[in-house]
Amino acid sequence: MSDRTRGPVLLTGATGFVGSRLYPRLRESGLEVVCASRRPDQASQQHPDRTWVELDVSRPETLEPAMEGCRSALYLIHQISGSDYVETERRSARRFAEAADRAGLKRIVYLGGVRPGGTPSKHLESRLETGRVLRQGPVSCVELRAAMIIGAGSASWQIVCDLASRLPAMLLPTWTRSRSQPVWIGDVVEAVLGALRLSEDQAGWYDIPGPDTLTVEDILRKTASLMGKDPWLVDVPFLSPKLSSYWLRFVTSCNYELARELVEGLKYDLLADDDSFWERIGHAQRCGFEEAARRELARQDRD
């Protein structure tokens, strides 16, 4: 870790899927971690061994106090609620970047989404716009763009597992032929650590693809097979992502509003421009889809 970023790391979204998997790896790397939550008292009851501060991007007065003494921040905040959440996220990112500058932070790492091969859905537009605002701010920022993250706790992975396990038959609209490069959460964690180490002139955005390029249908078939399932899959060319999202209400345990937004983003390919970031941070060996899915299904069983 360079002197520029050495020091406490502010971990926003510390109680979420990515944040909870990042914390132990950050500590293992020798970093002091300050965990941020909108409800720090509640969070500290669950994890009393961690340092907690209050941070709520909708309340600007909480930002600088939470950042006090930190040298870098991991921006894992996503507010996908309300009709105008794209603008809400834009304002939140701008406030965070400005507060980080006043607090003397040297690096922000943001985990966002891959730019699609066509017009972005509202959800992906919000992810990309948040990254743009943070990168144009006064503090050096590295934006990491991931497609579906394979991991117990990931909303998109939960939808895949629910579909693969609960449906004896499944309709396959044309959009299930869109391609993606899903990435294992363990590799995402290493990407974030690597982003903290990058020099000032390496700041910018990077795709972090998994090693396998798969269609949505491939992902569903492989996941079902690992679960010991063999659903009957039927091609149906006329179902749009929006129409398909309606029956998710009856199938997935994931929040329906979030599930609908995620499915809307599957209309086009979600492919990386390149995978050079992994070599840049010295993490060439990534986990393939089937092995990653096997690990996370086993974790879900344990949990």
C-alpha atoms as a PDB file:
ATOM      1  CA  MET A   1       0.000   0.000   0.000  1.00  0.00           C
ATOM      2  CA  SER A   2       1.440   3.382  -0.973  1.00  0.00           C
ATOM      3  CA  ASP A   3       1.920   6.195   1.536  1.00  0.00           C
ATOM      4  CA  ARG A   4      -0.699   8.132  -0.424  1.00  0.00           C
ATOM      5  CA  THR A   5      -3.460   5.740   0.593  1.00  0.00           C
ATOM      6  CA  ARG A   6      -1.993   4.249   3.760  1.00  0.00           C
ATOM      7  CA  GLY A   7      -4.266   4.779   6.739  1.00  0.00           C
ATOM      8  CA  PRO A   8      -7.852   4.069   7.750  1.00  0.00           C
ATOM      9  CA  VAL A   9     -10.260   3.085   4.980  1.00  0.00           C
ATOM     10  CA  LEU A  10     -13.865   4.233   5.190  1.00  0.00           C
ATOM     11  CA  LEU A  11     -16.081   1.316   4.187  1.00  0.00           C
ATOM     12  CA  THR A  12     -19.532   2.520   3.149  1.00  0.00           C
ATOM     13  CA  GLY A  13     -22.209  -0.113   2.678  1.00  0.00           C
ATOM     14  CA  ALA A  14     -20.386  -2.105   5.345  1.00  0.00           C
ATOM     15  CA  THR A  15     -23.458  -4.175   6.234  1.00  0.00           C
ATOM     16  CA  GLY A  16     -24.265  -4.993   2.597  1.00  0.00           C
ATOM     17  CA  PHE A  17     -23.289  -7.910   0.411  1.00  0.00           C
ATOM     18  CA  VAL A  18     -19.976  -6.608  -0.945  1.00  0.00           C
ATOM     19  CA  GLY A  19     -19.039  -4.659   2.173  1.00  0.00           C
ATOM     20  CA  SER A  20     -19.478  -7.638   4.472  1.00  0.00           C
ATOM     21  CA  ARG A  21     -17.229  -9.754   2.256  1.00  0.00           C
ATOM     22  CA  LEU A  22     -14.646  -6.965   1.927  1.00  0.00           C
ATOM     23  CA  TYR A  23     -14.163  -6.217   5.605  1.00  0.00           C
ATOM     24  CA  PRO A  24     -12.214  -9.346   6.632  1.00  0.00           C
ATOM     25  CA  ARG A  25      -9.968  -9.119   3.570  1.00  0.00           C
ATOM     26  CA  LEU A  26      -9.170  -5.472   4.276  1.00  0.00           C
ATOM     27  CA  ARG A  27      -8.233  -6.339   7.841  1.00  0.00           C
ATOM     28  CA  GLU A  28      -6.189  -9.318   6.642  1.00  0.00           C
ATOM     29  CA  SER A  29      -4.264  -6.876   4.439  1.00  0.00           C
ATOM     30  CA  GLY A  30      -3.292  -4.890   7.515  1.00  0.00           C
ATOM     31  CA  LEU A  31      -5.641  -1.971   6.948  1.00  0.00           C
ATOM     32  CA  GLU A  32      -7.558  -0.150   9.637  1.00  0.00           C
ATOM     33  CA  VAL A  33     -11.219  -0.061   8.609  1.00  0.00           C
ATOM     34  CA  VAL A  34     -13.919   2.395   9.670  1.00  0.00           C
ATOM     35  CA  CYS A  35     -17.362   0.974   8.886  1.00  0.00           C
ATOM     36  CA  ALA A  36     -20.144   3.371   7.903  1.00  0.00           C
ATOM     37  CA  SER A  37     -23.852   2.802   8.383  1.00  0.00           C
ATOM     38  CA  ARG A  38     -27.016   4.871   8.516  1.00  0.00           C
ATOM     39  CA  ARG A  39     -27.766   3.022  11.779  1.00  0.00           C
ATOM     40  CA  PRO A  40     -24.397   2.522  13.489  1.00  0.00           C
ATOM     41  CA  ASP A  41     -25.913   1.589  16.866  1.00  0.00           C
ATOM     42  CA  GLN A  42     -27.798  -1.280  15.291  1.00  0.00           C
ATOM     43  CA  ALA A  43     -24.782  -2.354  13.229  1.00  0.00           C
ATOM     44  CA  SER A  44     -22.474  -2.324  16.258  1.00  0.00           C
ATOM     45  CA  GLN A  45     -24.765  -4.735  18.059  1.00  0.00           C
ATOM     46  CA  GLN A  46     -24.272  -7.233  15.268  1.00  0.00           C
ATOM     47  CA  HIS A  47     -20.515  -6.564  14.931  1.00  0.00           C
ATOM     48  CA  PRO A  48     -19.286  -5.074  18.230  1.00  0.00           C
ATOM     49  CA  ASP A  49     -15.633  -5.709  17.323  1.00  0.00           C
ATOM     50  CA  ARG A  50     -15.723  -3.165  14.466  1.00  0.00           C
ATOM     51  CA  THR A  51     -15.444   0.628  14.466  1.00  0.00           C
ATOM     52  CA  TRP A  52     -18.721   2.222  13.349  1.00  0.00           C
ATOM     53  CA  VAL A  53     -19.629   5.754  12.283  1.00  0.00           C
ATOM     54  CA  GLU A  54     -22.879   7.258  11.078  1.00  0.00           C
ATOM     55  CA  LEU A  55     -23.023   8.088   7.380  1.00  0.00           C
ATOM     56  CA  ASP A  56     -26.140   8.848   5.380  1.00  0.00           C
ATOM     57  CA  VAL A  57     -25.612  10.402   1.929  1.00  0.00           C
ATOM     58  CA  SER A  58     -29.060  11.983   2.123  1.00  0.00           C
ATOM     59  CA  ARG A  59     -27.843  13.918   5.184  1.00  0.00           C
ATOM     60  CA  PRO A  60     -24.731  15.873   4.119  1.00  0.00           C
ATOM     61  CA  GLU A  61     -23.898  16.818   7.714  1.00  0.00           C
ATOM     62  CA  THR A  62     -22.930  13.177   8.416  1.00  0.00           C
ATOM     63  CA  LEU A  63     -20.327  12.897   5.639  1.00  0.00           C
ATOM     64  CA  GLU A  64     -17.255  14.793   6.823  1.00  0.00           C
ATOM     65  CA  PRO A  65     -17.470  13.580  10.443  1.00  0.00           C
ATOM     66  CA  ALA A  66     -17.566   9.977   9.172  1.00  0.00           C
ATOM     67  CA  MET A  67     -14.498  10.595   6.989  1.00  0.00           C
ATOM     68  CA  GLU A  68     -12.415  12.235   9.709  1.00  0.00           C
ATOM     69  CA  GLY A  69      -8.973  10.632   9.925  1.00  0.00           C
ATOM     70  CA  CYS A  70      -9.488   8.373   6.884  1.00  0.00           C
ATOM     71  CA  ARG A  71      -7.221   8.332   3.842  1.00  0.00           C
ATOM     72  CA  SER A  72      -9.475   6.514   1.377  1.00  0.00           C
ATOM     73  CA  ALA A  73     -13.097   5.455   0.967  1.00  0.00           C
ATOM     74  CA  LEU A  74     -14.930   2.582  -0.686  1.00  0.00           C
ATOM     75  CA  TYR A  75     -18.187   3.824  -2.215  1.00  0.00           C
ATOM     76  CA  LEU A  76     -20.625   0.894  -2.101  1.00  0.00           C
ATOM     77  CA  ILE A  77     -23.825   2.915  -1.883  1.00  0.00           C
ATOM     78  CA  HIS A  78     -26.778   2.228  -4.167  1.00  0.00           C
ATOM     79  CA  GLN A  79     -30.216   3.812  -3.708  1.00  0.00           C
ATOM     80  CA  ILE A  80     -32.601   2.158  -6.142  1.00  0.00           C
ATOM     81  CA  SER A  81     -35.887   3.527  -4.866  1.00  0.00           C
ATOM     82  CA  GLY A  82     -38.189   6.324  -5.905  1.00  0.00           C
ATOM     83  CA  SER A  83     -39.078   7.463  -9.409  1.00  0.00           C
ATOM     84  CA  ASP A  84     -36.076   9.792  -9.716  1.00  0.00           C
ATOM     85  CA  TYR A  85     -33.351   7.700  -8.139  1.00  0.00           C
ATOM     86  CA  VAL A  86     -30.889   8.448 -10.980  1.00  0.00           C
ATOM     87  CA  GLU A  87     -30.847  12.111  -9.933  1.00  0.00           C
ATOM     88  CA  THR A  88     -30.794  11.131  -6.242  1.00  0.00           C
ATOM     89  CA  GLU A  89     -27.696   9.009  -6.809  1.00  0.00           C
ATOM     90  CA  ARG A  90     -26.048  11.757  -8.839  1.00  0.00           C
ATOM     91  CA  ARG A  91     -26.531  14.288  -6.027  1.00  0.00           C
ATOM     92  CA  SER A  92     -25.336  11.798  -3.409  1.00  0.00           C
ATOM     93  CA  ALA A  93     -22.150  11.036  -5.343  1.00  0.00           C
ATOM     94  CA  ARG A  94     -21.410  14.749  -5.802  1.00  0.00           C
ATOM     95  CA  ARG A  95     -21.897  15.445  -2.087  1.00  0.00           C
ATOM     96  CA  PHE A  96     -19.664  12.507  -1.176  1.00  0.00           C
ATOM     97  CA  ALA A  97     -16.860  13.582  -3.531  1.00  0.00           C
ATOM     98  CA  GLU A  98     -16.925  17.162  -2.262  1.00  0.00           C
ATOM     99  CA  ALA A  99     -16.945  16.053   1.381  1.00  0.00           C
ATOM    100  CA  ALA A 100     -14.062  13.648   0.678  1.00  0.00           C
ATOM    101  CA  ASP A 101     -12.012  16.545  -0.673  1.00  0.00           C
ATOM    102  CA  ARG A 102     -12.701  18.685   2.383  1.00  0.00           C
ATOM    103  CA  ALA A 103     -11.827  15.750   4.658  1.00  0.00           C
ATOM    104  CA  GLY A 104      -8.500  15.207   2.886  1.00  0.00           C
ATOM    105  CA  LEU A 105      -9.160  11.768   1.393  1.00  0.00           C
ATOM    106  CA  LYS A 106      -6.706  10.633  -1.297  1.00  0.00           C
ATOM    107  CA  ARG A 107      -8.641   7.890  -3.072  1.00  0.00           C
ATOM    108  CA  ILE A 108     -12.232   6.796  -3.670  1.00  0.00           C
ATOM    109  CA  VAL A 109     -12.953   3.337  -5.063  1.00  0.00           C
ATOM    110  CA  TYR A 110     -16.404   2.853  -6.555  1.00  0.00           C
ATOM    111  CA  LEU A 111     -17.980  -0.445  -7.606  1.00  0.00           C
ATOM    112  CA  GLY A 112     -20.409   0.077 -10.485  1.00  0.00           C
ATOM    113  CA  GLY A 113     -21.748  -1.730 -13.540  1.00  0.00           C
ATOM    114  CA  VAL A 114     -20.593  -2.596 -17.061  1.00  0.00           C
ATOM    115  CA  ARG A 115     -21.707  -0.352 -19.926  1.00  0.00           C
ATOM    116  CA  PRO A 116     -24.144  -2.393 -22.066  1.00  0.00           C
ATOM    117  CA  GLY A 117     -23.932  -2.909 -25.808  1.00  0.00           C
ATOM    118  CA  GLY A 118     -27.046  -0.771 -26.298  1.00  0.00           C
ATOM    119  CA  THR A 119     -28.979   1.946 -24.486  1.00  0.00           C
ATOM    120  CA  PRO A 120     -28.495   1.465 -20.720  1.00  0.00           C
ATOM    121  CA  SER A 121     -31.473   0.605 -18.553  1.00  0.00           C
ATOM    122  CA  LYS A 122     -32.369   3.125 -15.870  1.00  0.00           C
ATOM    123  CA  HIS A 123     -30.482   1.032 -13.306  1.00  0.00           C
ATOM    124  CA  LEU A 124     -27.297   0.826 -15.391  1.00  0.00           C
ATOM    125  CA  GLU A 125     -27.558   4.495 -16.337  1.00  0.00           C
ATOM    126  CA  SER A 126     -27.576   5.308 -12.637  1.00  0.00           C
ATOM    127  CA  ARG A 127     -24.533   3.119 -11.983  1.00  0.00           C
ATOM    128  CA  LEU A 128     -22.567   4.698 -14.822  1.00  0.00           C
ATOM    129  CA  GLU A 129     -23.595   8.239 -13.926  1.00  0.00           C
ATOM    130  CA  THR A 130     -22.540   7.740 -10.309  1.00  0.00           C
ATOM    131  CA  GLY A 131     -19.117   6.619 -11.493  1.00  0.00           C
ATOM    132  CA  ARG A 132     -18.796   9.608 -13.827  1.00  0.00           C
ATOM    133  CA  VAL A 133     -19.625  12.069 -11.043  1.00  0.00           C
ATOM    134  CA  LEU A 134     -17.149  10.505  -8.623  1.00  0.00           C
ATOM    135  CA  ARG A 135     -14.362  10.379 -11.230  1.00  0.00           C
ATOM    136  CA  GLN A 136     -14.898  14.025 -12.142  1.00  0.00           C
ATOM    137  CA  GLY A 137     -14.701  15.049  -8.493  1.00  0.00           C
ATOM    138  CA  PRO A 138     -11.625  16.532  -6.816  1.00  0.00           C
ATOM    139  CA  VAL A 139     -10.434  13.259  -5.210  1.00  0.00           C
ATOM    140  CA  SER A 140      -8.616  10.566  -7.197  1.00  0.00           C
ATOM    141  CA  CYS A 141     -11.196   7.883  -8.041  1.00  0.00           C
ATOM    142  CA  VAL A 142     -11.072   4.370  -9.467  1.00  0.00           C
ATOM    143  CA  GLU A 143     -14.365   3.073 -10.868  1.00  0.00           C
ATOM    144  CA  LEU A 144     -14.685  -0.714 -11.215  1.00  0.00           C
ATOM    145  CA  ARG A 145     -17.383  -1.992 -13.568  1.00  0.00           C
ATOM    146  CA  ALA A 146     -18.738  -5.481 -12.956  1.00  0.00           C
ATOM    147  CA  ALA A 147     -21.475  -7.519 -14.584  1.00  0.00           C
ATOM    148  CA  MET A 148     -23.356  -9.994 -12.360  1.00  0.00           C
ATOM    149  CA  ILE A 149     -21.455 -10.741  -9.161  1.00  0.00           C
ATOM    150  CA  ILE A 150     -21.637 -14.409  -8.178  1.00  0.00           C
ATOM    151  CA  GLY A 151     -22.056 -14.535  -4.428  1.00  0.00           C
ATOM    152  CA  ALA A 152     -24.455 -15.414  -1.651  1.00  0.00           C
ATOM    153  CA  GLY A 153     -26.146 -12.088  -0.940  1.00  0.00           C
ATOM    154  CA  SER A 154     -25.954 -10.677  -4.486  1.00  0.00           C
ATOM    155  CA  ALA A 155     -29.428  -9.735  -5.752  1.00  0.00           C
ATOM    156  CA  SER A 156     -28.748 -10.814  -9.344  1.00  0.00           C
ATOM    157  CA  TRP A 157     -27.255 -14.122  -8.180  1.00  0.00           C
ATOM    158  CA  GLN A 158     -30.260 -14.679  -5.896  1.00  0.00           C
ATOM    159  CA  ILE A 159     -32.607 -14.239  -8.856  1.00  0.00           C
ATOM    160  CA  VAL A 160     -30.642 -16.823 -10.860  1.00  0.00           C
ATOM    161  CA  CYS A 161     -30.736 -19.292  -7.959  1.00  0.00           C
ATOM    162  CA  ASP A 162     -34.470 -18.781  -7.417  1.00  0.00           C
ATOM    163  CA  LEU A 163     -35.247 -19.306 -11.094  1.00  0.00           C
ATOM    164  CA  ALA A 164     -33.008 -22.358 -11.368  1.00  0.00           C
ATOM    165  CA  SER A 165     -34.334 -24.039  -8.235  1.00  0.00           C
ATOM    166  CA  ARG A 166     -38.045 -23.245  -8.243  1.00  0.00           C
ATOM    167  CA  LEU A 167     -39.236 -23.563 -11.823  1.00  0.00           C
ATOM    168  CA  PRO A 168     -39.915 -26.985 -13.382  1.00  0.00           C
ATOM    169  CA  ALA A 169     -40.175 -25.159 -16.716  1.00  0.00           C
ATOM    170  CA  MET A 170     -38.767 -21.833 -17.837  1.00  0.00           C
ATOM    171  CA  LEU A 171     -39.556 -19.484 -20.711  1.00  0.00           C
ATOM    172  CA  LEU A 172     -36.504 -18.222 -22.589  1.00  0.00           C
ATOM    173  CA  PRO A 173     -37.195 -14.869 -24.293  1.00  0.00           C
ATOM    174  CA  THR A 174     -34.757 -13.526 -26.880  1.00  0.00           C
ATOM    175  CA  TRP A 175     -32.981 -11.421 -24.245  1.00  0.00           C
ATOM    176  CA  THR A 176     -31.775 -14.580 -22.469  1.00  0.00           C
ATOM    177  CA  ARG A 177     -29.307 -14.896 -25.357  1.00  0.00           C
ATOM    178  CA  SER A 178     -27.561 -11.692 -24.292  1.00  0.00           C
ATOM    179  CA  ARG A 179     -24.015 -12.307 -23.106  1.00  0.00           C
ATOM    180  CA  SER A 180     -22.304 -11.422 -19.867  1.00  0.00           C
ATOM    181  CA  GLN A 181     -19.086 -12.123 -17.961  1.00  0.00           C
ATOM    182  CA  PRO A 182     -20.172 -12.855 -14.379  1.00  0.00           C
ATOM    183  CA  VAL A 183     -17.452 -12.411 -11.778  1.00  0.00           C
ATOM    184  CA  TRP A 184     -16.957 -14.148  -8.430  1.00  0.00           C
ATOM    185  CA  ILE A 185     -17.217 -12.005  -5.298  1.00  0.00           C
ATOM    186  CA  GLY A 186     -13.775 -13.189  -4.169  1.00  0.00           C
ATOM    187  CA  ASP A 187     -12.247 -11.726  -7.317  1.00  0.00           C
ATOM    188  CA  VAL A 188     -14.246  -8.502  -6.858  1.00  0.00           C
ATOM    189  CA  VAL A 189     -12.753  -8.145  -3.375  1.00  0.00           C
ATOM    190  CA  GLU A 190      -9.254  -8.472  -4.829  1.00  0.00           C
ATOM    191  CA  ALA A 191     -10.136  -5.888  -7.484  1.00  0.00           C
ATOM    192  CA  VAL A 192     -11.136  -3.365  -4.815  1.00  0.00           C
ATOM    193  CA  LEU A 193      -7.915  -3.962  -2.886  1.00  0.00           C
ATOM    194  CA  GLY A 194      -5.939  -3.534  -6.090  1.00  0.00           C
ATOM    195  CA  ALA A 195      -7.756  -0.297  -6.894  1.00  0.00           C
ATOM    196  CA  LEU A 196      -6.681   1.158  -3.548  1.00  0.00           C
ATOM    197  CA  ARG A 197      -3.050   0.542  -4.511  1.00  0.00           C
ATOM    198  CA  LEU A 198      -3.125   2.145  -7.969  1.00  0.00           C
ATOM    199  CA  SER A 199      -1.069   5.285  -8.435  1.00  0.00           C
ATOM    200  CA  GLU A 200      -2.584   8.678  -9.154  1.00  0.00           C
ATOM    201  CA  ASP A 201      -1.933   8.443 -12.901  1.00  0.00           C
ATOM    202  CA  GLN A 202      -3.759   5.079 -13.038  1.00  0.00           C
ATOM    203  CA  ALA A 203      -7.022   6.451 -11.677  1.00  0.00           C
ATOM    204  CA  GLY A 204     -10.016   6.068 -14.001  1.00  0.00           C
ATOM    205  CA  TRP A 205     -12.509   3.347 -14.848  1.00  0.00           C
ATOM    206  CA  TYR A 206     -11.833  -0.347 -15.416  1.00  0.00           C
ATOM    207  CA  ASP A 207     -13.955  -3.342 -16.339  1.00  0.00           C
ATOM    208  CA  ILE A 208     -13.536  -6.352 -14.031  1.00  0.00           C
ATOM    209  CA  PRO A 209     -14.950  -9.287 -16.018  1.00  0.00           C
ATOM    210  CA  GLY A 210     -14.994 -12.905 -14.978  1.00  0.00           C
ATOM    211  CA  PRO A 211     -13.057 -15.354 -17.200  1.00  0.00           C
ATOM    212  CA  ASP A 212     -16.140 -16.900 -18.876  1.00  0.00           C
ATOM    213  CA  THR A 213     -18.485 -15.323 -21.432  1.00  0.00           C
ATOM    214  CA  LEU A 214     -21.970 -16.799 -21.036  1.00  0.00           C
ATOM    215  CA  THR A 215     -25.506 -16.082 -22.171  1.00  0.00           C
ATOM    216  CA  VAL A 216     -28.226 -15.651 -19.567  1.00  0.00           C
ATOM    217  CA  GLU A 217     -29.520 -19.054 -20.703  1.00  0.00           C
ATOM    218  CA  ASP A 218     -26.072 -20.611 -20.109  1.00  0.00           C
ATOM    219  CA  ILE A 219     -26.017 -19.172 -16.596  1.00  0.00           C
ATOM    220  CA  LEU A 220     -29.471 -20.555 -15.786  1.00  0.00           C
ATOM    221  CA  ARG A 221     -28.694 -23.998 -17.235  1.00  0.00           C
ATOM    222  CA  LYS A 222     -25.362 -24.353 -15.453  1.00  0.00           C
ATOM    223  CA  THR A 223     -26.752 -23.166 -12.124  1.00  0.00           C
ATOM    224  CA  ALA A 224     -29.733 -25.546 -12.372  1.00  0.00           C
ATOM    225  CA  SER A 225     -27.385 -28.428 -13.159  1.00  0.00           C
ATOM    226  CA  LEU A 226     -25.214 -27.676 -10.115  1.00  0.00           C
ATOM    227  CA  MET A 227     -28.404 -27.761  -8.020  1.00  0.00           C
ATOM    228  CA  GLY A 228     -29.327 -31.153  -9.450  1.00  0.00           C
ATOM    229  CA  LYS A 229     -32.226 -29.662 -11.410  1.00  0.00           C
ATOM    230  CA  ASP A 230     -33.172 -30.165 -15.041  1.00  0.00           C
ATOM    231  CA  PRO A 231     -35.916 -27.638 -15.920  1.00  0.00           C
ATOM    232  CA  TRP A 232     -37.710 -27.701 -19.240  1.00  0.00           C
ATOM    233  CA  LEU A 233     -36.575 -24.606 -21.132  1.00  0.00           C
ATOM    234  CA  VAL A 234     -38.767 -23.166 -23.906  1.00  0.00           C
ATOM    235  CA  ASP A 235     -37.781 -20.416 -26.371  1.00  0.00           C
ATOM    236  CA  VAL A 236     -40.354 -17.600 -26.429  1.00  0.00           C
ATOM    237  CA  PRO A 237     -39.299 -14.762 -28.773  1.00  0.00           C
ATOM    238  CA  PHE A 238     -41.983 -12.214 -27.878  1.00  0.00           C
ATOM    239  CA  LEU A 239     -41.338 -11.592 -24.162  1.00  0.00           C
ATOM    240  CA  SER A 240     -39.506  -8.355 -23.400  1.00  0.00           C
ATOM    241  CA  PRO A 241     -37.442  -7.931 -20.219  1.00  0.00           C
ATOM    242  CA  LYS A 242     -40.217  -5.707 -18.835  1.00  0.00           C
ATOM    243  CA  LEU A 243     -42.926  -8.332 -19.429  1.00  0.00           C
ATOM    244  CA  SER A 244     -40.662 -11.090 -18.131  1.00  0.00           C
ATOM    245  CA  SER A 245     -40.052  -9.182 -14.916  1.00  0.00           C
ATOM    246  CA  TYR A 246     -43.716  -9.429 -13.886  1.00  0.00           C
ATOM    247  CA  TRP A 247     -43.586 -13.123 -13.053  1.00  0.00           C
ATOM    248  CA  LEU A 248     -40.464 -12.607 -10.935  1.00  0.00           C
ATOM    249  CA  ARG A 249     -42.839 -11.350  -8.230  1.00  0.00           C
ATOM    250  CA  PHE A 250     -44.015 -14.942  -7.822  1.00  0.00           C
ATOM    251  CA  VAL A 251     -40.642 -16.654  -8.148  1.00  0.00           C
ATOM    252  CA  THR A 252     -37.824 -14.740  -6.482  1.00  0.00           C
ATOM    253  CA  SER A 253     -37.220 -13.899  -2.827  1.00  0.00           C
ATOM    254  CA  CYS A 254     -35.295 -10.814  -3.978  1.00  0.00           C
ATOM    255  CA  ASN A 255     -36.962  -7.426  -3.577  1.00  0.00           C
ATOM    256  CA  TYR A 256     -39.286  -7.202  -6.572  1.00  0.00           C
ATOM    257  CA  GLU A 257     -38.540  -3.574  -7.481  1.00  0.00           C
ATOM    258  CA  LEU A 258     -34.825  -4.334  -7.529  1.00  0.00           C
ATOM    259  CA  ALA A 259     -35.361  -7.589  -9.457  1.00  0.00           C
ATOM    260  CA  ARG A 260     -37.371  -5.751 -12.104  1.00  0.00           C
ATOM    261  CA  GLU A 261     -34.654  -3.141 -12.569  1.00  0.00           C
ATOM    262  CA  LEU A 262     -31.942  -5.793 -12.858  1.00  0.00           C
ATOM    263  CA  VAL A 263     -33.850  -7.788 -15.486  1.00  0.00           C
ATOM    264  CA  GLU A 264     -34.454  -4.605 -17.504  1.00  0.00           C
ATOM    265  CA  GLY A 265     -30.658  -4.321 -17.775  1.00  0.00           C
ATOM    266  CA  LEU A 266     -30.318  -7.696 -19.529  1.00  0.00           C
ATOM    267  CA  LYS A 267     -31.598  -6.567 -22.932  1.00  0.00           C
ATOM    268  CA  TYR A 268     -28.095  -6.064 -24.346  1.00  0.00           C
ATOM    269  CA  ASP A 269     -24.707  -7.740 -23.964  1.00  0.00           C
ATOM    270  CA  LEU A 270     -22.772  -6.761 -20.836  1.00  0.00           C
ATOM    271  CA  LEU A 271     -19.225  -7.364 -22.038  1.00  0.00           C
ATOM    272  CA  ALA A 272     -15.972  -5.792 -20.886  1.00  0.00           C
ATOM    273  CA  ASP A 273     -13.844  -3.702 -23.232  1.00  0.00           C
ATOM    274  CA  ASP A 274     -10.886  -5.761 -21.994  1.00  0.00           C
ATOM    275  CA  ASP A 275      -9.642  -7.599 -18.899  1.00  0.00           C
ATOM    276  CA  SER A 276      -6.318  -5.795 -18.498  1.00  0.00           C
ATOM    277  CA  PHE A 277      -7.128  -4.588 -14.990  1.00  0.00           C
ATOM    278  CA  TRP A 278      -6.471  -8.037 -13.534  1.00  0.00           C
ATOM    279  CA  GLU A 279      -2.922  -8.086 -14.891  1.00  0.00           C
ATOM    280  CA  ARG A 280      -2.421  -4.504 -13.751  1.00  0.00           C
ATOM    281  CA  ILE A 281      -3.075  -5.484 -10.117  1.00  0.00           C
ATOM    282  CA  GLY A 282      -1.303  -8.863 -10.346  1.00  0.00           C
ATOM    283  CA  HIS A 283      -4.450 -10.989 -10.023  1.00  0.00           C
ATOM    284  CA  ALA A 284      -4.367 -13.054 -13.198  1.00  0.00           C
ATOM    285  CA  GLN A 285      -6.002 -16.232 -11.866  1.00  0.00           C
ATOM    286  CA  ARG A 286      -9.755 -15.678 -11.647  1.00  0.00           C
ATOM    287  CA  CYS A 287     -12.442 -18.130 -10.622  1.00  0.00           C
ATOM    288  CA  GLY A 288     -14.512 -19.553 -13.488  1.00  0.00           C
ATOM    289  CA  PHE A 289     -18.301 -19.494 -13.406  1.00  0.00           C
ATOM    290  CA  GLU A 290     -18.983 -23.108 -12.456  1.00  0.00           C
ATOM    291  CA  GLU A 291     -16.434 -23.174  -9.633  1.00  0.00           C
ATOM    292  CA  ALA A 292     -17.646 -19.805  -8.331  1.00  0.00           C
ATOM    293  CA  ALA A 293     -21.273 -20.965  -8.457  1.00  0.00           C
ATOM    294  CA  ARG A 294     -20.374 -24.206  -6.676  1.00  0.00           C
ATOM    295  CA  ARG A 295     -18.619 -22.295  -3.873  1.00  0.00           C
ATOM    296  CA  GLU A 296     -21.461 -19.849  -3.377  1.00  0.00           C
ATOM    297  CA  LEU A 297     -24.197 -22.505  -3.466  1.00  0.00           C
ATOM    298  CA  ALA A 298     -22.291 -24.343  -0.747  1.00  0.00           C
ATOM    299  CA  ARG A 299     -22.024 -21.123   1.247  1.00  0.00           C
ATOM    300  CA  GLN A 300     -25.774 -20.556   0.929  1.00  0.00           C
ATOM    301  CA  ASP A 301     -26.403 -24.059   2.229  1.00  0.00           C
ATOM    302  CA  ARG A 302     -24.140 -23.401   5.239  1.00  0.00           C
ATOM    303  CA  ASP A 303     -25.824 -20.074   5.948  1.00  0.00           C
END
